[in-house]
Amino acid sequence: MLAVLLAAAPSIPNDVGGKYVAGAYIVFVLLLLIYVAIMGMKLARIERGLREVAEIAEARKDDVDVDQAAPGRGSQEPSISDSLAPGGSRGSGA
C-alpha cells in the first residue's frame, strides 16, 4: 500500500495545496486502518460470546440427553411445545 502511495507521489504537485492533499490521503488511510482494527476487535468479541453460548447450549443438550437416557426419569405430562402445537390440547386455534 505504501508503494502505491510513493508511486503516486510524483503526480501530486509540490505546491502547498499538494501537501495538504497528500496529508488528507494519509489521514484518510490511517482512519480507515483504525476503523478496520476496531471492527476486528468487535468481531472477535462477538465470536467469543457466540462460542460461550454454543458451549452452554451443548451442555444443556447433553443434560437433556442424559435425562432421557435414564429410565423412569422422564416427564409423563406433555411438554409446552406439544400443548402449543396446532391441534394440540388448546384447540384448533380459531
Foldseek 3Di string as FASTA:
>chain_A
DVVVLVVCVVVQDPDPVSVVVSVVVVVVVVVVVVVVVVVVVVVVVVVVVVVVVVVVVVVVVVVVVVQVVDPPRDDPDDDPVQQPDQVHPVYNPD
